[in-house]
Amino acid sequence: MASKRYAAVGKHCVACGCCVKVCPLSVISIWRGVTAQVDLEKCVGCGKCARECPAGTIELRDREVGA
C-alpha cells in the first residue's frame, strides 16, 4: 500500500545533500548539482529529509486519493 504522504523539494534547495544522507530508502538524489530530486513512486513520506533540511525547503505533502 502506498504512503499517504511524500516529500516535495521547494525552489530554495541549495543541493547540500543533507536529505540524501538521511533518507532511509535512498530515494533522494542531487540533480545536476543544483537541487534535490525525490523519487515520488518510492518515497514513503517519513519526514526525515524535511527535518534535516537546513534550508527548510522540503515539506511533506498529501498524495492525491485515487490518482
PDB file of N, CA and C in Angstrom:
ATOM      1  N   MET A   1       0.844  -1.174   0.000  1.00  0.00           N
ATOM      2  CA  MET A   1       0.000   0.000   0.000  1.00  0.00           C
ATOM      3  C   MET A   1       0.891   1.240   0.000  1.00  0.00           C
ATOM      4  N   ALA A   2       0.548   2.213  -0.816  1.00  0.00           N
ATOM      5  CA  ALA A   2       1.341   3.434  -0.953  1.00  0.00           C
ATOM      6  C   ALA A   2       1.142   4.340   0.255  1.00  0.00           C
ATOM      7  N   SER A   3       2.177   5.086   0.552  1.00  0.00           N
ATOM      8  CA  SER A   3       2.118   6.054   1.636  1.00  0.00           C
ATOM      9  C   SER A   3       1.147   7.177   1.280  1.00  0.00           C
ATOM     10  N   LYS A   4       0.552   7.780   2.280  1.00  0.00           N
ATOM     11  CA  LYS A   4      -0.379   8.881   2.061  1.00  0.00           C
ATOM     12  C   LYS A   4       0.344  10.205   1.849  1.00  0.00           C
ATOM     13  N   ARG A   5       1.639  10.225   2.126  1.00  0.00           N
ATOM     14  CA  ARG A   5       2.407  11.470   2.008  1.00  0.00           C
ATOM     15  C   ARG A   5       3.676  11.241   1.200  1.00  0.00           C
ATOM     16  N   TYR A   6       4.264  12.342   0.757  1.00  0.00           N
ATOM     17  CA  TYR A   6       5.536  12.285   0.043  1.00  0.00           C
ATOM     18  C   TYR A   6       6.309  13.580   0.305  1.00  0.00           C
ATOM     19  N   ALA A   7       7.603  13.537   0.088  1.00  0.00           N
ATOM     20  CA  ALA A   7       8.451  14.707   0.281  1.00  0.00           C
ATOM     21  C   ALA A   7       8.509  15.512  -1.007  1.00  0.00           C
ATOM     22  N   ALA A   8       8.358  16.820  -0.867  1.00  0.00           N
ATOM     23  CA  ALA A   8       8.444  17.728  -2.015  1.00  0.00           C
ATOM     24  C   ALA A   8       9.546  18.749  -1.746  1.00  0.00           C
ATOM     25  N   VAL A   9      10.409  18.942  -2.727  1.00  0.00           N
ATOM     26  CA  VAL A   9      11.534  19.864  -2.593  1.00  0.00           C
ATOM     27  C   VAL A   9      11.152  21.212  -3.190  1.00  0.00           C
ATOM     28  N   GLY A  10      11.328  22.264  -2.414  1.00  0.00           N
ATOM     29  CA  GLY A  10      10.997  23.614  -2.867  1.00  0.00           C
ATOM     30  C   GLY A  10      12.098  24.238  -3.703  1.00  0.00           C
ATOM     31  N   LYS A  11      11.810  25.412  -4.231  1.00  0.00           N
ATOM     32  CA  LYS A  11      12.729  26.083  -5.147  1.00  0.00           C
ATOM     33  C   LYS A  11      13.966  26.670  -4.472  1.00  0.00           C
ATOM     34  N   HIS A  12      14.000  26.704  -3.146  1.00  0.00           N
ATOM     35  CA  HIS A  12      15.149  27.273  -2.447  1.00  0.00           C
ATOM     36  C   HIS A  12      16.184  26.224  -2.025  1.00  0.00           C
ATOM     37  N   CYS A  13      16.091  25.044  -2.607  1.00  0.00           N
ATOM     38  CA  CYS A  13      17.056  23.965  -2.323  1.00  0.00           C
ATOM     39  C   CYS A  13      18.456  24.426  -2.724  1.00  0.00           C
ATOM     40  N   VAL A  14      19.428  24.170  -1.843  1.00  0.00           N
ATOM     41  CA  VAL A  14      20.816  24.543  -2.114  1.00  0.00           C
ATOM     42  C   VAL A  14      21.695  23.334  -2.454  1.00  0.00           C
ATOM     43  N   ALA A  15      21.074  22.176  -2.638  1.00  0.00           N
ATOM     44  CA  ALA A  15      21.773  20.948  -3.040  1.00  0.00           C
ATOM     45  C   ALA A  15      22.903  20.568  -2.090  1.00  0.00           C
ATOM     46  N   CYS A  16      22.679  20.755  -0.795  1.00  0.00           N
ATOM     47  CA  CYS A  16      23.722  20.444   0.193  1.00  0.00           C
ATOM     48  C   CYS A  16      23.892  18.938   0.415  1.00  0.00           C
ATOM     49  N   GLY A  17      22.845  18.161   0.128  1.00  0.00           N
ATOM     50  CA  GLY A  17      22.938  16.715   0.257  1.00  0.00           C
ATOM     51  C   GLY A  17      22.548  16.158   1.611  1.00  0.00           C
ATOM     52  N   CYS A  18      22.152  17.005   2.558  1.00  0.00           N
ATOM     53  CA  CYS A  18      21.756  16.519   3.887  1.00  0.00           C
ATOM     54  C   CYS A  18      20.586  15.538   3.788  1.00  0.00           C
ATOM     55  N   CYS A  19      19.647  15.824   2.917  1.00  0.00           N
ATOM     56  CA  CYS A  19      18.481  14.955   2.758  1.00  0.00           C
ATOM     57  C   CYS A  19      18.883  13.596   2.183  1.00  0.00           C
ATOM     58  N   VAL A  20      19.827  13.606   1.272  1.00  0.00           N
ATOM     59  CA  VAL A  20      20.306  12.365   0.655  1.00  0.00           C
ATOM     60  C   VAL A  20      20.894  11.452   1.722  1.00  0.00           C
ATOM     61  N   LYS A  21      21.642  12.038   2.650  1.00  0.00           N
ATOM     62  CA  LYS A  21      22.311  11.259   3.696  1.00  0.00           C
ATOM     63  C   LYS A  21      21.341  10.612   4.675  1.00  0.00           C
ATOM     64  N   VAL A  22      20.197  11.254   4.943  1.00  0.00           N
ATOM     65  CA  VAL A  22      19.284  10.733   5.964  1.00  0.00           C
ATOM     66  C   VAL A  22      18.130   9.903   5.415  1.00  0.00           C
ATOM     67  N   CYS A  23      17.929   9.897   4.110  1.00  0.00           N
ATOM     68  CA  CYS A  23      16.809   9.144   3.532  1.00  0.00           C
ATOM     69  C   CYS A  23      17.038   7.640   3.721  1.00  0.00           C
ATOM     70  N   PRO A  24      16.149   6.969   4.470  1.00  0.00           N
ATOM     71  CA  PRO A  24      16.356   5.543   4.750  1.00  0.00           C
ATOM     72  C   PRO A  24      16.188   4.639   3.532  1.00  0.00           C
ATOM     73  N   LEU A  25      15.539   5.130   2.492  1.00  0.00           N
ATOM     74  CA  LEU A  25      15.317   4.311   1.297  1.00  0.00           C
ATOM     75  C   LEU A  25      16.149   4.761   0.097  1.00  0.00           C
ATOM     76  N   SER A  26      16.996   5.763   0.295  1.00  0.00           N
ATOM     77  CA  SER A  26      17.862   6.299  -0.775  1.00  0.00           C
ATOM     78  C   SER A  26      17.061   6.694  -2.011  1.00  0.00           C
ATOM     79  N   VAL A  27      15.955   7.409  -1.806  1.00  0.00           N
ATOM     80  CA  VAL A  27      15.118   7.830  -2.931  1.00  0.00           C
ATOM     81  C   VAL A  27      15.333   9.298  -3.294  1.00  0.00           C
ATOM     82  N   ILE A  28      16.309   9.948  -2.655  1.00  0.00           N
ATOM     83  CA  ILE A  28      16.615  11.338  -2.963  1.00  0.00           C
ATOM     84  C   ILE A  28      18.003  11.415  -3.582  1.00  0.00           C
ATOM     85  N   SER A  29      18.114  12.216  -4.631  1.00  0.00           N
ATOM     86  CA  SER A  29      19.405  12.426  -5.270  1.00  0.00           C
ATOM     87  C   SER A  29      19.557  13.917  -5.567  1.00  0.00           C
ATOM     88  N   ILE A  30      20.792  14.322  -5.823  1.00  0.00           N
ATOM     89  CA  ILE A  30      21.051  15.712  -6.196  1.00  0.00           C
ATOM     90  C   ILE A  30      21.100  15.754  -7.717  1.00  0.00           C
ATOM     91  N   TRP A  31      20.205  16.525  -8.295  1.00  0.00           N
ATOM     92  CA  TRP A  31      20.051  16.606  -9.743  1.00  0.00           C
ATOM     93  C   TRP A  31      20.928  17.701 -10.312  1.00  0.00           C
ATOM     94  N   ARG A  32      21.868  17.325 -11.144  1.00  0.00           N
ATOM     95  CA  ARG A  32      22.778  18.248 -11.827  1.00  0.00           C
ATOM     96  C   ARG A  32      23.500  19.212 -10.893  1.00  0.00           C
ATOM     97  N   GLY A  33      23.672  18.802  -9.638  1.00  0.00           N
ATOM     98  CA  GLY A  33      24.377  19.629  -8.670  1.00  0.00           C
ATOM     99  C   GLY A  33      23.627  20.890  -8.269  1.00  0.00           C
ATOM    100  N   VAL A  34      22.334  20.954  -8.607  1.00  0.00           N
ATOM    101  CA  VAL A  34      21.567  22.170  -8.400  1.00  0.00           C
ATOM    102  C   VAL A  34      20.454  22.019  -7.375  1.00  0.00           C
ATOM    103  N   THR A  35      19.786  20.886  -7.361  1.00  0.00           N
ATOM    104  CA  THR A  35      18.642  20.698  -6.477  1.00  0.00           C
ATOM    105  C   THR A  35      18.439  19.228  -6.144  1.00  0.00           C
ATOM    106  N   ALA A  36      17.785  18.988  -5.026  1.00  0.00           N
ATOM    107  CA  ALA A  36      17.451  17.617  -4.654  1.00  0.00           C
ATOM    108  C   ALA A  36      16.234  17.177  -5.455  1.00  0.00           C
ATOM    109  N   GLN A  37      16.203  15.894  -5.753  1.00  0.00           N
ATOM    110  CA  GLN A  37      15.091  15.322  -6.501  1.00  0.00           C
ATOM    111  C   GLN A  37      14.638  14.060  -5.781  1.00  0.00           C
ATOM    112  N   VAL A  38      13.328  13.927  -5.564  1.00  0.00           N
ATOM    113  CA  VAL A  38      12.765  12.795  -4.843  1.00  0.00           C
ATOM    114  C   VAL A  38      12.064  11.862  -5.828  1.00  0.00           C
ATOM    115  N   ASP A  39      12.325  10.567  -5.707  1.00  0.00           N
ATOM    116  CA  ASP A  39      11.591   9.569  -6.492  1.00  0.00           C
ATOM    117  C   ASP A  39      10.237   9.393  -5.806  1.00  0.00           C
ATOM    118  N   LEU A  40       9.218  10.063  -6.314  1.00  0.00           N
ATOM    119  CA  LEU A  40       7.909  10.094  -5.671  1.00  0.00           C
ATOM    120  C   LEU A  40       7.237   8.726  -5.603  1.00  0.00           C
ATOM    121  N   GLU A  41       7.574   7.842  -6.520  1.00  0.00           N
ATOM    122  CA  GLU A  41       6.998   6.494  -6.525  1.00  0.00           C
ATOM    123  C   GLU A  41       7.483   5.679  -5.325  1.00  0.00           C
ATOM    124  N   LYS A  42       8.690   5.974  -4.858  1.00  0.00           N
ATOM    125  CA  LYS A  42       9.295   5.184  -3.786  1.00  0.00           C
ATOM    126  C   LYS A  42       9.309   5.881  -2.427  1.00  0.00           C
ATOM    127  N   CYS A  43       9.064   7.183  -2.406  1.00  0.00           N
ATOM    128  CA  CYS A  43       9.076   7.937  -1.154  1.00  0.00           C
ATOM    129  C   CYS A  43       7.931   7.474  -0.252  1.00  0.00           C
ATOM    130  N   VAL A  44       8.258   7.214   1.022  1.00  0.00           N
ATOM    131  CA  VAL A  44       7.238   6.755   1.979  1.00  0.00           C
ATOM    132  C   VAL A  44       6.768   7.866   2.905  1.00  0.00           C
ATOM    133  N   GLY A  45       7.275   9.067   2.711  1.00  0.00           N
ATOM    134  CA  GLY A  45       6.816  10.212   3.493  1.00  0.00           C
ATOM    135  C   GLY A  45       7.182  10.165   4.963  1.00  0.00           C
ATOM    136  N   CYS A  46       8.353   9.632   5.285  1.00  0.00           N
ATOM    137  CA  CYS A  46       8.761   9.504   6.692  1.00  0.00           C
ATOM    138  C   CYS A  46       9.099  10.859   7.327  1.00  0.00           C
ATOM    139  N   GLY A  47       9.515  11.831   6.513  1.00  0.00           N
ATOM    140  CA  GLY A  47       9.798  13.172   7.002  1.00  0.00           C
ATOM    141  C   GLY A  47      11.209  13.420   7.494  1.00  0.00           C
ATOM    142  N   LYS A  48      12.080  12.416   7.437  1.00  0.00           N
ATOM    143  CA  LYS A  48      13.452  12.615   7.916  1.00  0.00           C
ATOM    144  C   LYS A  48      14.172  13.689   7.106  1.00  0.00           C
ATOM    145  N   CYS A  49      13.944  13.720   5.820  1.00  0.00           N
ATOM    146  CA  CYS A  49      14.603  14.718   4.974  1.00  0.00           C
ATOM    147  C   CYS A  49      14.120  16.129   5.309  1.00  0.00           C
ATOM    148  N   ALA A  50      12.839  16.274   5.546  1.00  0.00           N
ATOM    149  CA  ALA A  50      12.269  17.592   5.872  1.00  0.00           C
ATOM    150  C   ALA A  50      12.820  18.114   7.195  1.00  0.00           C
ATOM    151  N   ARG A  51      12.973  17.236   8.168  1.00  0.00           N
ATOM    152  CA  ARG A  51      13.510  17.648   9.469  1.00  0.00           C
ATOM    153  C   ARG A  51      14.983  18.016   9.379  1.00  0.00           C
ATOM    154  N   GLU A  52      15.715  17.396   8.475  1.00  0.00           N
ATOM    155  CA  GLU A  52      17.160  17.614   8.366  1.00  0.00           C
ATOM    156  C   GLU A  52      17.534  18.781   7.449  1.00  0.00           C
ATOM    157  N   CYS A  53      16.645  19.192   6.576  1.00  0.00           N
ATOM    158  CA  CYS A  53      16.944  20.222   5.570  1.00  0.00           C
ATOM    159  C   CYS A  53      17.286  21.566   6.222  1.00  0.00           C
ATOM    160  N   PRO A  54      18.543  22.041   6.080  1.00  0.00           N
ATOM    161  CA  PRO A  54      18.926  23.311   6.697  1.00  0.00           C
ATOM    162  C   PRO A  54      18.262  24.519   6.038  1.00  0.00           C
ATOM    163  N   ALA A  55      17.841  24.381   4.786  1.00  0.00           N
ATOM    164  CA  ALA A  55      17.179  25.479   4.084  1.00  0.00           C
ATOM    165  C   ALA A  55      15.671  25.492   4.362  1.00  0.00           C
ATOM    166  N   GLY A  56      15.163  24.430   4.986  1.00  0.00           N
ATOM    167  CA  GLY A  56      13.738  24.356   5.292  1.00  0.00           C
ATOM    168  C   GLY A  56      12.865  24.313   4.059  1.00  0.00           C
ATOM    169  N   THR A  57      13.395  23.769   2.979  1.00  0.00           N
ATOM    170  CA  THR A  57      12.669  23.789   1.713  1.00  0.00           C
ATOM    171  C   THR A  57      11.961  22.479   1.376  1.00  0.00           C
ATOM    172  N   ILE A  58      12.162  21.442   2.168  1.00  0.00           N
ATOM    173  CA  ILE A  58      11.468  20.181   1.928  1.00  0.00           C
ATOM    174  C   ILE A  58      10.247  20.111   2.833  1.00  0.00           C
ATOM    175  N   GLU A  59       9.122  19.775   2.249  1.00  0.00           N
ATOM    176  CA  GLU A  59       7.898  19.630   3.026  1.00  0.00           C
ATOM    177  C   GLU A  59       7.192  18.341   2.645  1.00  0.00           C
ATOM    178  N   LEU A  60       6.395  17.839   3.555  1.00  0.00           N
ATOM    179  CA  LEU A  60       5.594  16.657   3.268  1.00  0.00           C
ATOM    180  C   LEU A  60       4.245  17.112   2.714  1.00  0.00           C
ATOM    181  N   ARG A  61       3.827  16.455   1.671  1.00  0.00           N
ATOM    182  CA  ARG A  61       2.538  16.768   1.050  1.00  0.00           C
ATOM    183  C   ARG A  61       1.679  15.518   1.011  1.00  0.00           C
ATOM    184  N   ASP A  62       0.383  15.729   0.998  1.00  0.00           N
ATOM    185  CA  ASP A  62      -0.555  14.616   0.888  1.00  0.00           C
ATOM    186  C   ASP A  62      -0.659  14.174  -0.560  1.00  0.00           C
ATOM    187  N   ARG A  63      -0.701  12.869  -0.771  1.00  0.00           N
ATOM    188  CA  ARG A  63      -0.898  12.342  -2.118  1.00  0.00           C
ATOM    189  C   ARG A  63      -2.367  12.485  -2.496  1.00  0.00           C
ATOM    190  N   GLU A  64      -2.629  12.635  -3.773  1.00  0.00           N
ATOM    191  CA  GLU A  64      -3.994  12.700  -4.240  1.00  0.00           C
ATOM    192  C   GLU A  64      -4.619  11.321  -4.140  1.00  0.00           C
ATOM    193  N   VAL A  65      -5.832  11.248  -3.636  1.00  0.00           N
ATOM    194  CA  VAL A  65      -6.530   9.980  -3.495  1.00  0.00           C
ATOM    195  C   VAL A  65      -7.116   9.589  -4.838  1.00  0.00           C
ATOM    196  N   GLY A  66      -6.915   8.322  -5.205  1.00  0.00           N
ATOM    197  CA  GLY A  66      -7.479   7.819  -6.454  1.00  0.00           C
ATOM    198  C   GLY A  66      -6.674   8.159  -7.688  1.00  0.00           C
ATOM    199  N   ALA A  67      -5.516   8.756  -7.496  1.00  0.00           N
ATOM    200  CA  ALA A  67      -4.697   9.124  -8.665  1.00  0.00           C
ATOM    201  C   ALA A  67      -3.811   7.978  -9.077  1.00  0.00           C
TER     202      ALA A  67
END
